[in-house]
Amino acid sequence: MACAGRPGSGRKLAAVSSTTDAKEQIATALASIAEEVPALAPLKLVFAVVLRGRGDVQQFRVELPERKITKEVATDARVTIELPRAFFNVMVSEGARVADWREAFHYGQAKATGVPQLLKLIERVVDLHEERARLRRAKQH
């Protein structure tokens, strides 16, 4: 594949697999969420991320708090997150915040299934974070 800058320049672009891209994107999303909601960072959890593309399904196992991401079926996952690959790409590239992810789950773009107590715990931690952020903004004004 020739360099996009100048046709015939002879330079080659590094080929990057979609798996590597997906792993990096998952890591980016995790880092963003952990930065925004630090209370979720130490959570010990194994979950699956299922990215559906055109005729293709990629499954990743994510282990927290180490943020170890592997491309495999997560048979020990306690939570599964499913979403279209194109939607996930846009969310990560635009630097989606927790509120954006909450909206995606609310409107059905993303779906989380698993142990109800864990899902409620995560939702409660995010709710408390958002409430604290609202109170901080209210005090500043």
N, C-alpha and C. Protein backbone atom coordinates (compact mmCIF):
# COMPACT_ATOMS: atom_id res chain seq x y z
N MET A 1 0.86 -1.17 0.00
CA MET A 1 0.00 0.00 0.00
C MET A 1 0.90 1.23 0.00
N ALA A 2 0.78 2.11 -0.95
CA ALA A 2 1.63 3.30 -1.05
C ALA A 2 1.20 4.34 -0.05
N CYS A 3 2.12 5.24 0.26
CA CYS A 3 1.86 6.31 1.21
C CYS A 3 0.77 7.22 0.66
N ALA A 4 -0.14 7.61 1.51
CA ALA A 4 -1.25 8.44 1.07
C ALA A 4 -0.79 9.85 0.70
N GLY A 5 0.36 10.28 1.22
CA GLY A 5 0.85 11.64 0.98
C GLY A 5 1.20 11.90 -0.46
N ARG A 6 1.99 11.00 -1.09
CA ARG A 6 2.39 11.20 -2.48
C ARG A 6 2.30 9.88 -3.20
N PRO A 7 1.58 9.85 -4.29
CA PRO A 7 1.49 8.61 -5.06
C PRO A 7 2.86 8.24 -5.61
N GLY A 8 3.20 6.97 -5.54
CA GLY A 8 4.46 6.49 -6.09
C GLY A 8 5.68 6.85 -5.28
N SER A 9 5.50 7.29 -4.04
CA SER A 9 6.65 7.69 -3.23
C SER A 9 7.49 6.51 -2.78
N GLY A 10 6.93 5.30 -2.87
CA GLY A 10 7.69 4.12 -2.51
C GLY A 10 7.61 3.79 -1.02
N ARG A 11 7.15 4.70 -0.18
CA ARG A 11 7.03 4.41 1.25
C ARG A 11 5.78 3.58 1.49
N LYS A 12 5.88 2.68 2.45
CA LYS A 12 4.76 1.82 2.78
C LYS A 12 4.19 2.20 4.14
N LEU A 13 2.88 2.09 4.28
CA LEU A 13 2.23 2.30 5.56
C LEU A 13 2.25 0.99 6.34
N ALA A 14 2.37 1.10 7.65
CA ALA A 14 2.35 -0.10 8.49
C ALA A 14 0.93 -0.67 8.48
N ALA A 15 0.84 -1.94 8.23
CA ALA A 15 -0.47 -2.59 8.25
C ALA A 15 -0.85 -2.86 9.70
N VAL A 16 -2.06 -2.46 10.05
CA VAL A 16 -2.54 -2.65 11.41
C VAL A 16 -3.79 -3.50 11.33
N SER A 17 -3.83 -4.56 12.10
CA SER A 17 -4.99 -5.43 12.05
C SER A 17 -6.15 -4.80 12.80
N SER A 18 -7.36 -5.19 12.44
CA SER A 18 -8.53 -4.65 13.12
C SER A 18 -8.59 -5.12 14.56
N THR A 19 -7.99 -6.28 14.86
CA THR A 19 -7.96 -6.76 16.23
C THR A 19 -7.13 -5.83 17.10
N THR A 20 -5.95 -5.43 16.59
CA THR A 20 -5.10 -4.51 17.34
C THR A 20 -5.83 -3.19 17.54
N ASP A 21 -6.46 -2.69 16.50
CA ASP A 21 -7.23 -1.46 16.61
C ASP A 21 -8.31 -1.59 17.67
N ALA A 22 -9.04 -2.68 17.65
CA ALA A 22 -10.13 -2.88 18.61
C ALA A 22 -9.59 -2.94 20.03
N LYS A 23 -8.50 -3.66 20.23
CA LYS A 23 -7.91 -3.74 21.57
C LYS A 23 -7.50 -2.36 22.06
N GLU A 24 -6.87 -1.59 21.19
CA GLU A 24 -6.45 -0.23 21.55
C GLU A 24 -7.66 0.65 21.84
N GLN A 25 -8.72 0.49 21.04
CA GLN A 25 -9.92 1.29 21.26
C GLN A 25 -10.59 0.91 22.59
N ILE A 26 -10.63 -0.37 22.91
CA ILE A 26 -11.20 -0.80 24.19
C ILE A 26 -10.37 -0.22 25.33
N ALA A 27 -9.05 -0.27 25.20
CA ALA A 27 -8.16 0.29 26.23
C ALA A 27 -8.39 1.78 26.39
N THR A 28 -8.56 2.49 25.28
CA THR A 28 -8.82 3.93 25.32
C THR A 28 -10.14 4.22 26.03
N ALA A 29 -11.18 3.46 25.69
CA ALA A 29 -12.48 3.66 26.33
C ALA A 29 -12.40 3.38 27.83
N LEU A 30 -11.71 2.32 28.22
CA LEU A 30 -11.55 1.99 29.64
C LEU A 30 -10.81 3.10 30.38
N ALA A 31 -9.74 3.60 29.78
CA ALA A 31 -8.96 4.67 30.41
C ALA A 31 -9.81 5.92 30.59
N SER A 32 -10.59 6.26 29.60
CA SER A 32 -11.45 7.43 29.67
C SER A 32 -12.49 7.29 30.78
N ILE A 33 -13.10 6.13 30.87
CA ILE A 33 -14.12 5.90 31.90
C ILE A 33 -13.49 5.90 33.29
N ALA A 34 -12.33 5.25 33.43
CA ALA A 34 -11.65 5.22 34.73
C ALA A 34 -11.20 6.61 35.16
N GLU A 35 -10.82 7.43 34.19
CA GLU A 35 -10.41 8.80 34.51
C GLU A 35 -11.61 9.62 34.98
N GLU A 36 -12.73 9.43 34.32
CA GLU A 36 -13.93 10.20 34.65
C GLU A 36 -14.59 9.70 35.94
N VAL A 37 -14.60 8.38 36.15
CA VAL A 37 -15.22 7.79 37.34
C VAL A 37 -14.16 6.93 38.04
N PRO A 38 -13.29 7.55 38.83
CA PRO A 38 -12.19 6.82 39.47
C PRO A 38 -12.66 5.67 40.37
N ALA A 39 -13.87 5.73 40.89
CA ALA A 39 -14.38 4.66 41.76
C ALA A 39 -14.52 3.34 41.01
N LEU A 40 -14.60 3.37 39.68
CA LEU A 40 -14.70 2.14 38.90
C LEU A 40 -13.34 1.51 38.62
N ALA A 41 -12.27 2.28 38.75
CA ALA A 41 -10.93 1.80 38.40
C ALA A 41 -10.51 0.54 39.16
N PRO A 42 -10.74 0.44 40.49
CA PRO A 42 -10.28 -0.77 41.19
C PRO A 42 -11.25 -1.96 41.11
N LEU A 43 -12.33 -1.82 40.37
CA LEU A 43 -13.33 -2.88 40.27
C LEU A 43 -12.72 -4.16 39.71
N LYS A 44 -12.87 -5.26 40.44
CA LYS A 44 -12.34 -6.55 39.98
C LYS A 44 -13.46 -7.26 39.22
N LEU A 45 -13.28 -7.38 37.90
CA LEU A 45 -14.35 -7.90 37.06
C LEU A 45 -13.78 -8.44 35.76
N VAL A 46 -14.36 -9.51 35.26
CA VAL A 46 -14.06 -10.01 33.92
C VAL A 46 -15.33 -9.81 33.11
N PHE A 47 -15.20 -9.11 31.99
CA PHE A 47 -16.37 -8.92 31.14
C PHE A 47 -16.03 -9.13 29.68
N ALA A 48 -17.06 -9.35 28.90
CA ALA A 48 -16.89 -9.58 27.47
C ALA A 48 -17.36 -8.35 26.70
N VAL A 49 -16.64 -8.04 25.65
CA VAL A 49 -17.06 -6.99 24.72
C VAL A 49 -17.29 -7.69 23.38
N VAL A 50 -18.51 -7.56 22.87
CA VAL A 50 -18.88 -8.19 21.60
C VAL A 50 -19.15 -7.07 20.60
N LEU A 51 -18.31 -6.99 19.57
CA LEU A 51 -18.45 -5.97 18.52
C LEU A 51 -18.99 -6.64 17.27
N ARG A 52 -20.19 -6.22 16.85
CA ARG A 52 -20.82 -6.80 15.67
C ARG A 52 -20.54 -5.91 14.45
N GLY A 53 -20.00 -6.52 13.41
CA GLY A 53 -19.74 -5.79 12.17
C GLY A 53 -20.58 -6.39 11.07
N ARG A 54 -20.25 -6.05 9.84
CA ARG A 54 -20.98 -6.61 8.69
C ARG A 54 -20.58 -8.07 8.51
N GLY A 55 -21.40 -8.96 9.02
CA GLY A 55 -21.14 -10.38 8.89
C GLY A 55 -20.01 -10.89 9.76
N ASP A 56 -19.54 -10.08 10.68
CA ASP A 56 -18.41 -10.45 11.52
C ASP A 56 -18.73 -10.09 12.97
N VAL A 57 -18.33 -10.96 13.87
CA VAL A 57 -18.50 -10.68 15.30
C VAL A 57 -17.14 -10.88 15.96
N GLN A 58 -16.65 -9.84 16.63
CA GLN A 58 -15.39 -9.93 17.36
C GLN A 58 -15.70 -9.97 18.85
N GLN A 59 -15.10 -10.92 19.54
CA GLN A 59 -15.33 -11.06 20.98
C GLN A 59 -14.02 -10.86 21.72
N PHE A 60 -14.09 -10.04 22.76
CA PHE A 60 -12.91 -9.73 23.56
C PHE A 60 -13.20 -10.00 25.03
N ARG A 61 -12.19 -10.49 25.71
CA ARG A 61 -12.27 -10.71 27.16
C ARG A 61 -11.47 -9.59 27.81
N VAL A 62 -12.11 -8.88 28.74
CA VAL A 62 -11.46 -7.76 29.43
C VAL A 62 -11.43 -8.08 30.91
N GLU A 63 -10.24 -7.99 31.48
CA GLU A 63 -10.04 -8.29 32.89
C GLU A 63 -9.65 -7.00 33.61
N LEU A 64 -10.43 -6.66 34.60
CA LEU A 64 -10.16 -5.47 35.40
C LEU A 64 -9.72 -5.91 36.79
N PRO A 65 -8.94 -5.16 37.50
CA PRO A 65 -8.47 -3.81 37.22
C PRO A 65 -7.21 -3.75 36.36
N GLU A 66 -6.66 -4.90 35.95
CA GLU A 66 -5.42 -4.90 35.16
C GLU A 66 -5.59 -4.33 33.75
N ARG A 67 -6.82 -4.27 33.27
CA ARG A 67 -7.14 -3.85 31.90
C ARG A 67 -6.45 -4.75 30.88
N LYS A 68 -6.48 -6.04 31.15
CA LYS A 68 -5.91 -7.04 30.24
C LYS A 68 -6.98 -7.38 29.21
N ILE A 69 -6.67 -7.13 27.94
CA ILE A 69 -7.63 -7.32 26.85
C ILE A 69 -7.11 -8.39 25.91
N THR A 70 -7.91 -9.44 25.71
CA THR A 70 -7.52 -10.51 24.80
C THR A 70 -8.69 -10.81 23.87
N LYS A 71 -8.35 -11.23 22.67
CA LYS A 71 -9.40 -11.59 21.70
C LYS A 71 -9.72 -13.06 21.89
N GLU A 72 -10.76 -13.31 22.66
CA GLU A 72 -11.21 -14.66 22.93
C GLU A 72 -12.61 -14.61 23.52
N VAL A 73 -13.28 -15.73 23.51
CA VAL A 73 -14.59 -15.82 24.12
C VAL A 73 -14.38 -15.81 25.63
N ALA A 74 -15.05 -14.92 26.30
CA ALA A 74 -14.89 -14.79 27.75
C ALA A 74 -15.89 -15.70 28.46
N THR A 75 -15.52 -16.95 28.63
CA THR A 75 -16.42 -17.91 29.26
C THR A 75 -16.63 -17.61 30.74
N ASP A 76 -15.71 -16.86 31.35
CA ASP A 76 -15.83 -16.51 32.75
C ASP A 76 -16.36 -15.10 32.97
N ALA A 77 -16.89 -14.48 31.93
CA ALA A 77 -17.40 -13.11 32.02
C ALA A 77 -18.65 -13.05 32.88
N ARG A 78 -18.70 -12.03 33.73
CA ARG A 78 -19.88 -11.84 34.56
C ARG A 78 -20.80 -10.79 33.94
N VAL A 79 -20.27 -10.02 32.99
CA VAL A 79 -21.03 -9.00 32.27
C VAL A 79 -20.61 -9.08 30.80
N THR A 80 -21.58 -8.91 29.91
CA THR A 80 -21.31 -8.87 28.47
C THR A 80 -21.85 -7.56 27.91
N ILE A 81 -21.00 -6.87 27.16
CA ILE A 81 -21.40 -5.62 26.52
C ILE A 81 -21.38 -5.86 25.02
N GLU A 82 -22.52 -5.61 24.37
CA GLU A 82 -22.65 -5.82 22.93
C GLU A 82 -23.00 -4.50 22.25
N LEU A 83 -22.32 -4.24 21.13
CA LEU A 83 -22.63 -3.05 20.35
C LEU A 83 -22.07 -3.19 18.94
N PRO A 84 -22.65 -2.44 18.00
CA PRO A 84 -22.13 -2.48 16.62
C PRO A 84 -20.71 -1.91 16.57
N ARG A 85 -19.87 -2.54 15.76
CA ARG A 85 -18.47 -2.11 15.65
C ARG A 85 -18.36 -0.67 15.16
N ALA A 86 -19.16 -0.29 14.18
CA ALA A 86 -19.10 1.07 13.64
C ALA A 86 -19.46 2.10 14.72
N PHE A 87 -20.47 1.79 15.51
CA PHE A 87 -20.88 2.69 16.59
C PHE A 87 -19.77 2.81 17.64
N PHE A 88 -19.15 1.69 17.99
CA PHE A 88 -18.05 1.69 18.95
C PHE A 88 -16.89 2.55 18.42
N ASN A 89 -16.56 2.40 17.15
CA ASN A 89 -15.48 3.19 16.54
C ASN A 89 -15.75 4.68 16.69
N VAL A 90 -16.98 5.10 16.41
CA VAL A 90 -17.35 6.52 16.50
C VAL A 90 -17.26 7.00 17.94
N MET A 91 -17.79 6.21 18.87
CA MET A 91 -17.78 6.60 20.28
C MET A 91 -16.34 6.83 20.76
N VAL A 92 -15.45 5.92 20.44
CA VAL A 92 -14.07 6.04 20.90
C VAL A 92 -13.36 7.19 20.20
N SER A 93 -13.54 7.30 18.89
CA SER A 93 -12.83 8.36 18.15
C SER A 93 -13.28 9.75 18.56
N GLU A 94 -14.52 9.88 19.02
CA GLU A 94 -15.01 11.19 19.44
C GLU A 94 -14.80 11.43 20.94
N GLY A 95 -14.11 10.49 21.61
CA GLY A 95 -13.80 10.68 23.03
C GLY A 95 -15.04 10.65 23.91
N ALA A 96 -15.89 9.67 23.70
CA ALA A 96 -17.14 9.56 24.44
C ALA A 96 -16.90 9.56 25.95
N ARG A 97 -17.74 10.29 26.65
CA ARG A 97 -17.69 10.36 28.10
C ARG A 97 -18.74 9.40 28.67
N VAL A 98 -18.78 9.28 29.97
CA VAL A 98 -19.71 8.35 30.62
C VAL A 98 -21.16 8.69 30.25
N ALA A 99 -21.49 9.96 30.18
CA ALA A 99 -22.86 10.36 29.82
C ALA A 99 -23.22 9.87 28.41
N ASP A 100 -22.27 9.87 27.51
CA ASP A 100 -22.51 9.39 26.14
C ASP A 100 -22.77 7.88 26.15
N TRP A 101 -21.98 7.15 26.95
CA TRP A 101 -22.18 5.70 27.04
C TRP A 101 -23.53 5.39 27.68
N ARG A 102 -23.90 6.16 28.71
CA ARG A 102 -25.20 5.96 29.36
C ARG A 102 -26.33 6.14 28.34
N GLU A 103 -26.21 7.17 27.52
CA GLU A 103 -27.22 7.43 26.49
C GLU A 103 -27.27 6.28 25.47
N ALA A 104 -26.11 5.76 25.11
CA ALA A 104 -26.05 4.64 24.16
C ALA A 104 -26.78 3.42 24.73
N PHE A 105 -26.58 3.13 26.01
CA PHE A 105 -27.28 2.01 26.63
C PHE A 105 -28.77 2.29 26.75
N HIS A 106 -29.12 3.53 27.08
CA HIS A 106 -30.53 3.91 27.23
C HIS A 106 -31.31 3.75 25.92
N TYR A 107 -30.69 4.16 24.81
CA TYR A 107 -31.38 4.12 23.52
C TYR A 107 -31.16 2.82 22.74
N GLY A 108 -30.47 1.86 23.33
CA GLY A 108 -30.33 0.55 22.72
C GLY A 108 -29.20 0.40 21.72
N GLN A 109 -28.34 1.39 21.59
CA GLN A 109 -27.17 1.24 20.70
C GLN A 109 -26.19 0.25 21.28
N ALA A 110 -26.12 0.21 22.61
CA ALA A 110 -25.26 -0.74 23.32
C ALA A 110 -26.14 -1.50 24.30
N LYS A 111 -25.74 -2.74 24.59
CA LYS A 111 -26.54 -3.58 25.48
C LYS A 111 -25.61 -4.26 26.47
N ALA A 112 -25.98 -4.21 27.75
CA ALA A 112 -25.21 -4.89 28.79
C ALA A 112 -26.08 -5.95 29.43
N THR A 113 -25.55 -7.16 29.52
CA THR A 113 -26.25 -8.26 30.18
C THR A 113 -25.30 -8.91 31.16
N GLY A 114 -25.86 -9.60 32.12
CA GLY A 114 -25.02 -10.30 33.08
C GLY A 114 -25.64 -10.34 34.45
N VAL A 115 -24.80 -10.46 35.45
CA VAL A 115 -25.25 -10.55 36.84
C VAL A 115 -25.93 -9.24 37.23
N PRO A 116 -27.22 -9.29 37.55
CA PRO A 116 -27.96 -8.05 37.84
C PRO A 116 -27.34 -7.21 38.96
N GLN A 117 -26.82 -7.85 39.99
CA GLN A 117 -26.22 -7.10 41.10
C GLN A 117 -25.01 -6.29 40.63
N LEU A 118 -24.20 -6.86 39.75
CA LEU A 118 -23.04 -6.13 39.22
C LEU A 118 -23.48 -4.96 38.33
N LEU A 119 -24.47 -5.20 37.48
CA LEU A 119 -24.96 -4.13 36.61
C LEU A 119 -25.52 -2.98 37.45
N LYS A 120 -26.26 -3.32 38.50
CA LYS A 120 -26.82 -2.28 39.38
C LYS A 120 -25.72 -1.55 40.14
N LEU A 121 -24.70 -2.29 40.58
CA LEU A 121 -23.58 -1.66 41.28
C LEU A 121 -22.87 -0.64 40.39
N ILE A 122 -22.57 -1.03 39.17
CA ILE A 122 -21.89 -0.13 38.24
C ILE A 122 -22.76 1.09 37.96
N GLU A 123 -24.05 0.87 37.73
CA GLU A 123 -24.96 1.98 37.48
C GLU A 123 -25.03 2.91 38.68
N ARG A 124 -25.05 2.36 39.88
CA ARG A 124 -25.13 3.16 41.10
C ARG A 124 -23.86 4.00 41.28
N VAL A 125 -22.70 3.42 41.03
CA VAL A 125 -21.44 4.16 41.15
C VAL A 125 -21.42 5.32 40.15
N VAL A 126 -21.87 5.07 38.93
CA VAL A 126 -21.91 6.14 37.92
C VAL A 126 -22.92 7.21 38.31
N ASP A 127 -24.09 6.80 38.82
CA ASP A 127 -25.10 7.77 39.28
C ASP A 127 -24.53 8.68 40.36
N LEU A 128 -23.86 8.09 41.35
CA LEU A 128 -23.27 8.89 42.44
C LEU A 128 -22.22 9.85 41.90
N HIS A 129 -21.41 9.39 40.96
CA HIS A 129 -20.40 10.27 40.37
C HIS A 129 -21.06 11.46 39.67
N GLU A 130 -22.08 11.18 38.87
CA GLU A 130 -22.76 12.25 38.14
C GLU A 130 -23.45 13.22 39.10
N GLU A 131 -24.01 12.70 40.18
CA GLU A 131 -24.66 13.57 41.17
C GLU A 131 -23.62 14.47 41.84
N ARG A 132 -22.47 13.92 42.21
CA ARG A 132 -21.40 14.73 42.80
C ARG A 132 -20.93 15.81 41.82
N ALA A 133 -20.82 15.46 40.55
CA ALA A 133 -20.39 16.43 39.54
C ALA A 133 -21.41 17.55 39.41
N ARG A 134 -22.69 17.21 39.44
CA ARG A 134 -23.75 18.24 39.36
C ARG A 134 -23.69 19.16 40.57
N LEU A 135 -23.48 18.59 41.77
CA LEU A 135 -23.39 19.42 42.98
C LEU A 135 -22.19 20.34 42.94
N ARG A 136 -21.05 19.83 42.44
CA ARG A 136 -19.85 20.68 42.31
C ARG A 136 -20.11 21.85 41.37
N ARG A 137 -20.76 21.58 40.25
CA ARG A 137 -21.06 22.66 39.29
C ARG A 137 -22.03 23.65 39.90
N ALA A 138 -23.01 23.18 40.66
CA ALA A 138 -24.00 24.07 41.28
C ALA A 138 -23.33 24.97 42.32
N LYS A 139 -22.38 24.43 43.09
CA LYS A 139 -21.67 25.24 44.10
C LYS A 139 -20.81 26.31 43.46
N GLN A 140 -20.25 26.02 42.30
CA GLN A 140 -19.37 26.97 41.62
C GLN A 140 -20.13 28.13 41.02
N HIS A 141 -21.41 27.99 40.81
CA HIS A 141 -22.19 29.06 40.16
C HIS A 141 -22.91 29.87 41.16
